[in-house]
C-alpha atoms as a PDB file:
ATOM      1  CA  UNK A   1      -5.554  -4.648  42.270  1.00  0.00           C
ATOM      2  CA  UNK A   2      -3.749  -4.723  38.794  1.00  0.00           C
ATOM      3  CA  UNK A   3      -0.490  -2.735  38.489  1.00  0.00           C
ATOM      4  CA  UNK A   4       0.498  -0.924  35.272  1.00  0.00           C
ATOM      5  CA  UNK A   5       3.923  -2.214  34.252  1.00  0.00           C
ATOM      6  CA  UNK A   6       4.117  -0.616  30.803  1.00  0.00           C
ATOM      7  CA  UNK A   7       2.144   1.513  28.350  1.00  0.00           C
ATOM      8  CA  UNK A   8       2.914   1.378  24.633  1.00  0.00           C
ATOM      9  CA  UNK A   9       1.197   2.519  21.484  1.00  0.00           C
ATOM     10  CA  UNK A  10      -0.038  -0.349  19.188  1.00  0.00           C
ATOM     11  CA  UNK A  11       0.866   1.787  16.235  1.00  0.00           C
ATOM     12  CA  UNK A  12       4.429   0.619  15.181  1.00  0.00           C
ATOM     13  CA  UNK A  13       4.835   2.935  12.067  1.00  0.00           C
ATOM     14  CA  UNK A  14       7.617   5.416  12.396  1.00  0.00           C
ATOM     15  CA  UNK A  15       6.197   7.600   9.561  1.00  0.00           C
ATOM     16  CA  UNK A  16       2.883   9.068   8.988  1.00  0.00           C
ATOM     17  CA  UNK A  17       0.919   7.269   6.226  1.00  0.00           C
ATOM     18  CA  UNK A  18      -0.475   9.471   3.436  1.00  0.00           C
ATOM     19  CA  UNK A  19      -3.810   8.210   2.255  1.00  0.00           C
ATOM     20  CA  UNK A  20      -3.859   7.810  -1.417  1.00  0.00           C
ATOM     21  CA  UNK A  21      -7.652   7.184  -1.908  1.00  0.00           C
ATOM     22  CA  UNK A  22      -8.012  10.799  -3.082  1.00  0.00           C
ATOM     23  CA  UNK A  23     -11.515  12.358  -3.405  1.00  0.00           C
ATOM     24  CA  UNK A  24     -10.611  13.504  -7.007  1.00  0.00           C
ATOM     25  CA  UNK A  25      -9.597  10.121  -8.246  1.00  0.00           C
ATOM     26  CA  UNK A  26     -11.471   7.855  -5.733  1.00  0.00           C
ATOM     27  CA  UNK A  27      -8.784   5.239  -6.082  1.00  0.00           C
ATOM     28  CA  UNK A  28      -5.366   4.393  -4.724  1.00  0.00           C
ATOM     29  CA  UNK A  29      -2.022   3.782  -6.573  1.00  0.00           C
ATOM     30  CA  UNK A  30      -2.044   0.782  -8.647  1.00  0.00           C
ATOM     31  CA  UNK A  31       0.635  -1.881  -8.125  1.00  0.00           C
ATOM     32  CA  UNK A  32       1.651  -5.521  -8.957  1.00  0.00           C
ATOM     33  CA  UNK A  33       2.476  -7.963  -6.397  1.00  0.00           C
ATOM     34  CA  UNK A  34       3.542 -11.430  -7.132  1.00  0.00           C
ATOM     35  CA  UNK A  35       1.876 -10.983 -10.650  1.00  0.00           C
ATOM     36  CA  UNK A  36      -1.426 -10.011  -9.127  1.00  0.00           C
ATOM     37  CA  UNK A  37      -2.742  -6.443  -9.672  1.00  0.00           C
ATOM     38  CA  UNK A  38      -3.420  -4.788  -6.275  1.00  0.00           C
ATOM     39  CA  UNK A  39      -4.103  -1.195  -4.796  1.00  0.00           C
ATOM     40  CA  UNK A  40      -1.775   0.769  -2.502  1.00  0.00           C
ATOM     41  CA  UNK A  41      -4.165   2.371  -0.154  1.00  0.00           C
ATOM     42  CA  UNK A  42      -1.692   4.392   1.903  1.00  0.00           C
ATOM     43  CA  UNK A  43       2.034   4.956   1.694  1.00  0.00           C
ATOM     44  CA  UNK A  44       4.811   6.536   3.606  1.00  0.00           C
ATOM     45  CA  UNK A  45       8.542   6.477   3.375  1.00  0.00           C
ATOM     46  CA  UNK A  46       8.507   3.398   5.560  1.00  0.00           C
ATOM     47  CA  UNK A  47       5.752   1.288   4.040  1.00  0.00           C
ATOM     48  CA  UNK A  48       2.460   0.653   2.483  1.00  0.00           C
ATOM     49  CA  UNK A  49      -1.097  -0.650   3.086  1.00  0.00           C
ATOM     50  CA  UNK A  50      -2.223  -3.010   0.289  1.00  0.00           C
ATOM     51  CA  UNK A  51      -5.640  -4.333  -0.722  1.00  0.00           C
ATOM     52  CA  UNK A  52      -7.286  -5.933  -3.641  1.00  0.00           C
ATOM     53  CA  UNK A  53      -7.583  -4.225  -6.986  1.00  0.00           C
ATOM     54  CA  UNK A  54     -10.193  -1.505  -6.995  1.00  0.00           C
ATOM     55  CA  UNK A  55     -12.793  -0.871  -9.810  1.00  0.00           C
ATOM     56  CA  UNK A  56     -11.696   1.502 -12.643  1.00  0.00           C
ATOM     57  CA  UNK A  57     -13.539   4.796 -12.262  1.00  0.00           C
ATOM     58  CA  UNK A  58     -12.263   6.635 -15.043  1.00  0.00           C
ATOM     59  CA  UNK A  59     -15.385   6.090 -17.057  1.00  0.00           C
ATOM     60  CA  UNK A  60     -17.369   8.192 -14.511  1.00  0.00           C
ATOM     61  CA  UNK A  61     -15.332  11.306 -15.108  1.00  0.00           C
ATOM     62  CA  UNK A  62     -15.981  14.070 -12.521  1.00  0.00           C
ATOM     63  CA  UNK A  63     -19.203  12.540 -11.277  1.00  0.00           C
ATOM     64  CA  UNK A  64     -19.397  11.704  -7.651  1.00  0.00           C
ATOM     65  CA  UNK A  65     -19.479   7.864  -7.289  1.00  0.00           C
ATOM     66  CA  UNK A  66     -20.084   5.831  -4.197  1.00  0.00           C
ATOM     67  CA  UNK A  67     -17.811   2.852  -3.955  1.00  0.00           C
ATOM     68  CA  UNK A  68     -17.634  -0.138  -1.675  1.00  0.00           C
ATOM     69  CA  UNK A  69     -14.388  -1.821  -0.732  1.00  0.00           C
ATOM     70  CA  UNK A  70     -12.445  -3.101  -3.783  1.00  0.00           C
ATOM     71  CA  UNK A  71     -11.790  -6.666  -4.660  1.00  0.00           C
ATOM     72  CA  UNK A  72     -10.610  -8.809  -1.600  1.00  0.00           C
ATOM     73  CA  UNK A  73      -7.032  -9.824  -1.916  1.00  0.00           C
ATOM     74  CA  UNK A  74      -6.563 -13.520  -1.582  1.00  0.00           C
ATOM     75  CA  UNK A  75      -3.434 -13.583   0.622  1.00  0.00           C
ATOM     76  CA  UNK A  76      -3.475 -17.451   0.825  1.00  0.00           C
ATOM     77  CA  UNK A  77      -3.461 -17.745  -3.021  1.00  0.00           C
ATOM     78  CA  UNK A  78      -0.377 -15.476  -3.187  1.00  0.00           C
ATOM     79  CA  UNK A  79       1.387 -17.589  -0.545  1.00  0.00           C
ATOM     80  CA  UNK A  80       2.377 -14.632   1.605  1.00  0.00           C
ATOM     81  CA  UNK A  81       3.013 -14.535   5.247  1.00  0.00           C
ATOM     82  CA  UNK A  82       4.441 -12.250   7.882  1.00  0.00           C
ATOM     83  CA  UNK A  83       8.201 -11.823   7.302  1.00  0.00           C
ATOM     84  CA  UNK A  84       8.271 -12.678   3.612  1.00  0.00           C
ATOM     85  CA  UNK A  85      10.112 -10.247   1.456  1.00  0.00           C
ATOM     86  CA  UNK A  86       8.710  -9.735  -2.092  1.00  0.00           C
ATOM     87  CA  UNK A  87       9.126  -7.266  -4.834  1.00  0.00           C
ATOM     88  CA  UNK A  88       6.264  -4.747  -5.228  1.00  0.00           C
ATOM     89  CA  UNK A  89       6.003  -2.926  -8.660  1.00  0.00           C
ATOM     90  CA  UNK A  90       4.296   0.497  -8.273  1.00  0.00           C
ATOM     91  CA  UNK A  91       2.550   1.374 -11.572  1.00  0.00           C
ATOM     92  CA  UNK A  92       3.041   5.165 -12.394  1.00  0.00           C
ATOM     93  CA  UNK A  93       1.211   7.178 -15.091  1.00  0.00           C
ATOM     94  CA  UNK A  94       4.097   9.500 -15.825  1.00  0.00           C
ATOM     95  CA  UNK A  95       7.022   7.199 -15.479  1.00  0.00           C
ATOM     96  CA  UNK A  96       8.137   3.689 -15.870  1.00  0.00           C
ATOM     97  CA  UNK A  97       6.912   1.209 -13.042  1.00  0.00           C
ATOM     98  CA  UNK A  98       9.015   1.447  -9.742  1.00  0.00           C
ATOM     99  CA  UNK A  99      10.131  -1.666  -8.253  1.00  0.00           C
ATOM    100  CA  UNK A 100      11.003  -1.907  -4.549  1.00  0.00           C
ATOM    101  CA  UNK A 101      11.257  -4.805  -2.135  1.00  0.00           C
ATOM    102  CA  UNK A 102       8.818  -4.943   0.780  1.00  0.00           C
ATOM    103  CA  UNK A 103       8.467  -7.174   3.883  1.00  0.00           C
ATOM    104  CA  UNK A 104       5.198  -8.361   4.928  1.00  0.00           C
ATOM    105  CA  UNK A 105       4.492  -7.086   8.381  1.00  0.00           C
ATOM    106  CA  UNK A 106       0.755  -7.631   8.599  1.00  0.00           C
ATOM    107  CA  UNK A 107      -1.476 -10.036   6.841  1.00  0.00           C
ATOM    108  CA  UNK A 108      -5.228  -9.620   7.546  1.00  0.00           C
ATOM    109  CA  UNK A 109      -6.564 -12.732   5.784  1.00  0.00           C
ATOM    110  CA  UNK A 110     -10.219 -11.857   6.706  1.00  0.00           C
ATOM    111  CA  UNK A 111     -10.221  -8.471   5.129  1.00  0.00           C
ATOM    112  CA  UNK A 112      -7.793  -9.202   2.293  1.00  0.00           C
ATOM    113  CA  UNK A 113      -5.310  -6.442   3.390  1.00  0.00           C
ATOM    114  CA  UNK A 114      -1.431  -6.261   3.778  1.00  0.00           C
ATOM    115  CA  UNK A 115       0.840  -3.966   5.662  1.00  0.00           C
ATOM    116  CA  UNK A 116       4.376  -3.973   4.574  1.00  0.00           C
ATOM    117  CA  UNK A 117       7.540  -1.949   5.058  1.00  0.00           C
ATOM    118  CA  UNK A 118      10.092  -1.058   2.321  1.00  0.00           C
ATOM    119  CA  UNK A 119      13.447  -2.842   2.603  1.00  0.00           C
ATOM    120  CA  UNK A 120      16.881  -2.754   0.704  1.00  0.00           C
ATOM    121  CA  UNK A 121      16.370   0.837  -0.244  1.00  0.00           C
ATOM    122  CA  UNK A 122      19.140   2.729  -1.852  1.00  0.00           C
ATOM    123  CA  UNK A 123      19.326   6.507  -2.303  1.00  0.00           C
ATOM    124  CA  UNK A 124      17.989   6.532  -5.782  1.00  0.00           C
ATOM    125  CA  UNK A 125      15.055   4.375  -4.816  1.00  0.00           C
ATOM    126  CA  UNK A 126      14.394   6.513  -1.835  1.00  0.00           C
ATOM    127  CA  UNK A 127      14.322   9.781  -3.702  1.00  0.00           C
ATOM    128  CA  UNK A 128      11.811   8.014  -6.182  1.00  0.00           C
ATOM    129  CA  UNK A 129       9.763   6.813  -3.250  1.00  0.00           C
ATOM    130  CA  UNK A 130       9.671  10.147  -1.638  1.00  0.00           C
ATOM    131  CA  UNK A 131       8.286  11.779  -5.005  1.00  0.00           C
ATOM    132  CA  UNK A 132       5.573   9.136  -4.869  1.00  0.00           C
ATOM    133  CA  UNK A 133       4.733   9.684  -1.164  1.00  0.00           C
ATOM    134  CA  UNK A 134       4.576  13.549  -1.759  1.00  0.00           C
ATOM    135  CA  UNK A 135       2.394  13.204  -4.783  1.00  0.00           C
ATOM    136  CA  UNK A 136       5.002  14.630  -7.024  1.00  0.00           C
ATOM    137  CA  UNK A 137       5.283  11.515  -9.093  1.00  0.00           C
ATOM    138  CA  UNK A 138       2.185   9.415 -10.108  1.00  0.00           C
END
């Protein structure tokens, strides 16, 4: 008979992630990672979920659009692996791009998705990041 020696939650995030694939926009926040345009699908004060670039849906205005997953991110071509620290440039509509360092924590090559945590954050960067997470700065 097996004996339970430990129980733990596989979810290691300390902060709740806010989905940014909002119904009104049907897209996430655009960003640039190692010179490649990517999409931030979810974000928290602790980290981000990143995928390939999504289609531009601005041309459809307020119409309902059904979209499949965006372009698959080629993680191998970016030369990224778990543990790498790289700079992420978050593109904002109402402000200059926000640059912040991230550490790759999960690299799902099959689905073209990355999970990363923010590193080397100062007070000013944290305040800007907080505004992005809360939707006050886009």
